[in-house]
Each structure stands twice: as structure tokens, then as C-alpha cells.
N, C-alpha and C. Protein backbone atom coordinates (compact mmCIF):
# COMPACT_ATOMS: atom_id res chain seq x y z
N MET A 1 -23.53 -17.89 10.27
CA MET A 1 -24.33 -16.83 10.69
C MET A 1 -25.76 -17.36 10.71
N LYS A 2 -26.49 -16.81 11.59
CA LYS A 2 -27.88 -17.32 11.77
C LYS A 2 -28.52 -16.15 12.69
N LEU A 3 -29.47 -15.27 11.72
CA LEU A 3 -30.41 -14.33 12.70
C LEU A 3 -31.97 -14.71 12.53
N LYS A 4 -32.58 -14.27 13.73
CA LYS A 4 -33.79 -14.52 14.01
C LYS A 4 -34.73 -13.05 14.23
N ALA A 5 -35.85 -13.24 13.69
CA ALA A 5 -36.58 -11.83 14.08
C ALA A 5 -38.35 -12.24 14.13
N MET A 6 -38.67 -11.76 15.08
CA MET A 6 -40.19 -11.99 15.17
C MET A 6 -41.15 -11.20 14.17
N VAL A 7 -42.29 -11.93 13.68
CA VAL A 7 -43.03 -11.00 13.00
C VAL A 7 -43.98 -10.00 13.84
N PRO A 8 -44.05 -8.81 13.65
CA PRO A 8 -44.57 -7.77 14.74
C PRO A 8 -46.08 -8.08 15.10
N VAL A 9 -46.71 -8.43 13.89
CA VAL A 9 -48.22 -8.62 14.22
C VAL A 9 -48.77 -9.66 13.51
N PRO A 10 -48.39 -11.11 13.84
CA PRO A 10 -48.74 -12.23 13.47
C PRO A 10 -50.07 -12.61 13.60
N SER A 11 -50.59 -13.14 12.54
CA SER A 11 -52.12 -13.91 12.56
C SER A 11 -52.07 -15.02 12.67
N GLU A 12 -53.16 -15.68 12.98
CA GLU A 12 -53.10 -17.05 13.44
C GLU A 12 -52.66 -18.10 12.23
N ASP A 13 -53.09 -17.80 11.16
CA ASP A 13 -52.62 -18.94 10.02
C ASP A 13 -51.31 -18.11 9.29
N GLU A 14 -50.41 -17.20 9.78
CA GLU A 14 -49.40 -16.49 9.24
C GLU A 14 -47.90 -17.02 9.79
N VAL A 15 -47.00 -16.55 8.99
CA VAL A 15 -45.64 -16.58 9.66
C VAL A 15 -45.45 -15.69 11.08
N LYS A 16 -44.93 -16.46 12.02
CA LYS A 16 -44.77 -16.03 13.33
C LYS A 16 -43.31 -15.54 13.47
N TRP A 17 -42.09 -16.16 12.89
CA TRP A 17 -40.92 -16.02 12.89
C TRP A 17 -40.22 -16.19 11.72
N LEU A 18 -39.12 -15.46 11.42
CA LEU A 18 -38.16 -15.70 10.42
C LEU A 18 -36.81 -15.94 10.95
N ILE A 19 -35.88 -16.60 10.03
CA ILE A 19 -34.81 -16.78 10.18
C ILE A 19 -33.81 -16.72 9.00
N ILE A 20 -32.75 -15.97 8.96
CA ILE A 20 -31.74 -15.88 7.92
C ILE A 20 -30.55 -16.69 8.29
N GLU A 21 -30.26 -17.56 7.34
CA GLU A 21 -28.97 -18.44 7.64
C GLU A 21 -28.20 -18.39 6.51
N SER A 22 -26.87 -18.29 6.49
CA SER A 22 -25.87 -18.10 5.50
C SER A 22 -25.61 -19.79 5.04
N ASP A 23 -25.50 -19.52 3.76
CA ASP A 23 -25.06 -21.01 3.33
C ASP A 23 -23.63 -20.82 2.34
N GLU A 24 -22.52 -20.74 3.59
CA GLU A 24 -21.28 -20.53 2.91
C GLU A 24 -20.78 -21.51 2.06
N VAL A 25 -20.84 -22.79 2.48
CA VAL A 25 -20.33 -24.08 1.72
C VAL A 25 -21.00 -24.29 0.29
N ASP A 26 -22.47 -24.22 0.11
CA ASP A 26 -22.82 -24.67 -0.67
C ASP A 26 -23.21 -23.58 -1.97
N THR A 27 -24.17 -22.87 -1.70
CA THR A 27 -24.76 -22.02 -2.69
C THR A 27 -24.01 -20.45 -2.50
N LYS A 28 -23.36 -20.35 -1.33
CA LYS A 28 -22.66 -18.94 -1.12
C LYS A 28 -23.80 -17.87 -0.96
N GLY A 29 -25.08 -18.23 -0.69
CA GLY A 29 -25.98 -17.14 -0.46
C GLY A 29 -26.49 -17.41 0.92
N TYR A 30 -28.06 -16.83 1.09
CA TYR A 30 -28.53 -16.73 2.34
C TYR A 30 -29.94 -17.24 2.12
N PHE A 31 -30.46 -18.30 3.09
CA PHE A 31 -31.68 -18.93 3.26
C PHE A 31 -32.51 -17.97 3.98
N LEU A 32 -33.63 -17.54 3.86
CA LEU A 32 -34.58 -16.84 4.60
C LEU A 32 -35.74 -17.95 4.91
N TYR A 33 -35.97 -18.36 6.23
CA TYR A 33 -37.01 -19.48 6.53
C TYR A 33 -38.04 -18.68 7.21
N TYR A 34 -39.24 -19.06 6.87
CA TYR A 34 -40.50 -18.45 7.15
C TYR A 34 -41.09 -19.56 8.19
N TYR A 35 -41.35 -19.35 9.50
CA TYR A 35 -41.77 -20.45 10.13
C TYR A 35 -43.12 -19.87 10.62
N PHE A 36 -44.18 -21.08 10.41
CA PHE A 36 -45.67 -20.82 10.91
C PHE A 36 -45.53 -21.26 12.43
N ASN A 37 -44.75 -22.41 12.72
CA ASN A 37 -44.78 -22.88 14.11
C ASN A 37 -43.31 -23.67 14.00
N ASP A 38 -42.94 -24.36 15.15
CA ASP A 38 -41.76 -24.91 15.13
C ASP A 38 -41.42 -26.25 14.25
N SER A 39 -42.52 -27.05 13.45
CA SER A 39 -42.52 -27.85 12.55
C SER A 39 -43.05 -27.51 11.15
N ASN A 40 -43.21 -26.41 10.77
CA ASN A 40 -44.02 -25.83 9.72
C ASN A 40 -43.51 -24.66 9.15
N ALA A 41 -42.56 -24.75 8.11
CA ALA A 41 -41.99 -23.70 7.49
C ALA A 41 -41.46 -23.63 6.10
N PHE A 42 -41.24 -22.65 5.53
CA PHE A 42 -40.87 -22.81 3.97
C PHE A 42 -39.64 -21.58 3.94
N ASP A 43 -38.70 -21.70 2.99
CA ASP A 43 -37.56 -20.81 2.79
C ASP A 43 -37.80 -20.30 1.35
N THR A 44 -36.81 -19.09 1.07
CA THR A 44 -36.44 -18.45 -0.04
C THR A 44 -35.06 -18.39 0.03
N TRP A 45 -34.50 -18.23 -1.39
CA TRP A 45 -33.00 -17.93 -1.31
C TRP A 45 -32.52 -16.55 -1.69
N HIS A 46 -31.34 -16.07 -0.95
CA HIS A 46 -31.14 -14.76 -1.76
C HIS A 46 -29.61 -14.64 -1.69
N MET A 47 -29.33 -13.73 -2.81
CA MET A 47 -27.79 -13.62 -3.08
C MET A 47 -27.24 -13.13 -1.94
N THR A 48 -27.57 -12.36 -1.68
CA THR A 48 -26.86 -11.59 -0.30
C THR A 48 -27.77 -11.17 0.89
N LEU A 49 -27.29 -11.08 2.02
CA LEU A 49 -27.60 -10.55 3.20
C LEU A 49 -28.66 -9.37 2.95
N GLU A 50 -28.16 -8.38 2.53
CA GLU A 50 -29.00 -7.11 2.31
C GLU A 50 -30.36 -7.79 1.63
N GLU A 51 -30.42 -8.52 0.58
CA GLU A 51 -31.58 -9.16 -0.30
C GLU A 51 -32.52 -9.69 0.86
N ALA A 52 -31.98 -10.59 1.40
CA ALA A 52 -32.69 -11.30 2.33
C ALA A 52 -33.23 -10.40 3.51
N LEU A 53 -32.68 -9.38 4.18
CA LEU A 53 -33.10 -8.25 5.06
C LEU A 53 -34.10 -7.58 4.24
N GLN A 54 -34.24 -7.16 2.99
CA GLN A 54 -34.90 -6.28 2.27
C GLN A 54 -36.38 -7.23 2.08
N ALA A 55 -36.36 -8.38 1.67
CA ALA A 55 -37.47 -9.25 1.64
C ALA A 55 -38.15 -9.25 2.87
N ALA A 56 -37.77 -9.59 3.88
CA ALA A 56 -38.18 -9.40 5.31
C ALA A 56 -38.96 -8.39 5.69
N ASN A 57 -38.14 -7.01 5.49
CA ASN A 57 -38.59 -5.75 5.51
C ASN A 57 -39.90 -5.63 4.63
N SER A 58 -39.97 -6.14 3.52
CA SER A 58 -41.18 -5.69 2.58
C SER A 58 -42.28 -6.51 2.83
N GLN A 59 -42.04 -7.73 3.21
CA GLN A 59 -42.82 -8.54 3.71
C GLN A 59 -43.72 -8.28 4.86
N TYR A 60 -42.83 -8.16 6.13
CA TYR A 60 -43.30 -8.32 7.09
C TYR A 60 -42.82 -6.88 8.06
N GLU A 61 -42.30 -5.94 7.38
CA GLU A 61 -41.98 -4.69 8.21
C GLU A 61 -40.93 -5.20 9.42
N ILE A 62 -40.12 -5.92 8.99
CA ILE A 62 -39.00 -6.22 10.07
C ILE A 62 -37.74 -5.28 9.71
N LYS A 63 -37.30 -4.60 10.75
CA LYS A 63 -36.39 -3.62 10.49
C LYS A 63 -34.98 -4.37 10.66
N SER A 64 -33.85 -3.66 10.47
CA SER A 64 -32.66 -4.43 10.61
C SER A 64 -32.24 -4.49 12.05
N GLU A 65 -32.81 -3.53 12.97
CA GLU A 65 -32.56 -3.78 14.26
C GLU A 65 -33.46 -4.96 15.36
N ASP A 66 -34.45 -5.33 14.53
CA ASP A 66 -35.30 -6.30 15.02
C ASP A 66 -34.56 -7.83 14.88
N TRP A 67 -33.27 -7.88 14.25
CA TRP A 67 -32.87 -9.31 14.04
C TRP A 67 -32.09 -9.50 15.13
N VAL A 68 -31.69 -10.83 15.92
CA VAL A 68 -30.99 -11.23 16.74
C VAL A 68 -30.13 -12.40 16.38
N GLU A 69 -28.92 -12.15 16.77
CA GLU A 69 -28.02 -13.32 16.16
C GLU A 69 -28.06 -14.42 17.15
N LEU A 70 -28.13 -15.73 16.33
CA LEU A 70 -28.39 -16.92 17.35
C LEU A 70 -27.02 -17.57 17.05
N ASN A 71 -27.08 -18.44 18.31
CA ASN A 71 -25.47 -18.88 18.51
C ASN A 71 -25.81 -20.50 17.69
N ASP A 72 -24.79 -21.18 17.21
CA ASP A 72 -24.97 -22.24 16.34
C ASP A 72 -24.54 -23.35 17.24
N LYS A 73 -25.30 -23.69 18.17
CA LYS A 73 -25.39 -24.70 19.18
C LYS A 73 -26.26 -26.01 18.95
């Protein structure tokens, strides 16, 4: 599972979009990736999808309906 959301009002030096990706094989949790651009990002790990969604909402006001599911291709 992989979800993407755009930051509603990014500034020039800030995160532009986020991706939540499940890590079902290794950690059994969810990585929340913060992208500045295509080659510069950092991540945090969350035990549940709800925790990852809450982190995105509290930091960037991204709502549940702002997320789009990405195809794994």
C-alpha cells in the first residue's frame, strides 16, 4: 500500500508532498516520507496507518480525503 498527498501550502524550502508506504514484510509498520523534491526526502516510522495519517495532519493539515493511492509499478 502506498499513498501520496500534496502539502497544501508549501514554502520554497519546505516539504512539497508526503508518501505513506506500508512495510508489511520487515517492520510491520508504516513509513511516512517527506519530500522536498524528487531526490531529497526524509522519513519517519509509525506503528499504524492511523498514526502516520495523524502525523501528516498535525504537521501539514493533510486530511484523510487528500490522500491518493499509488500503483506499485
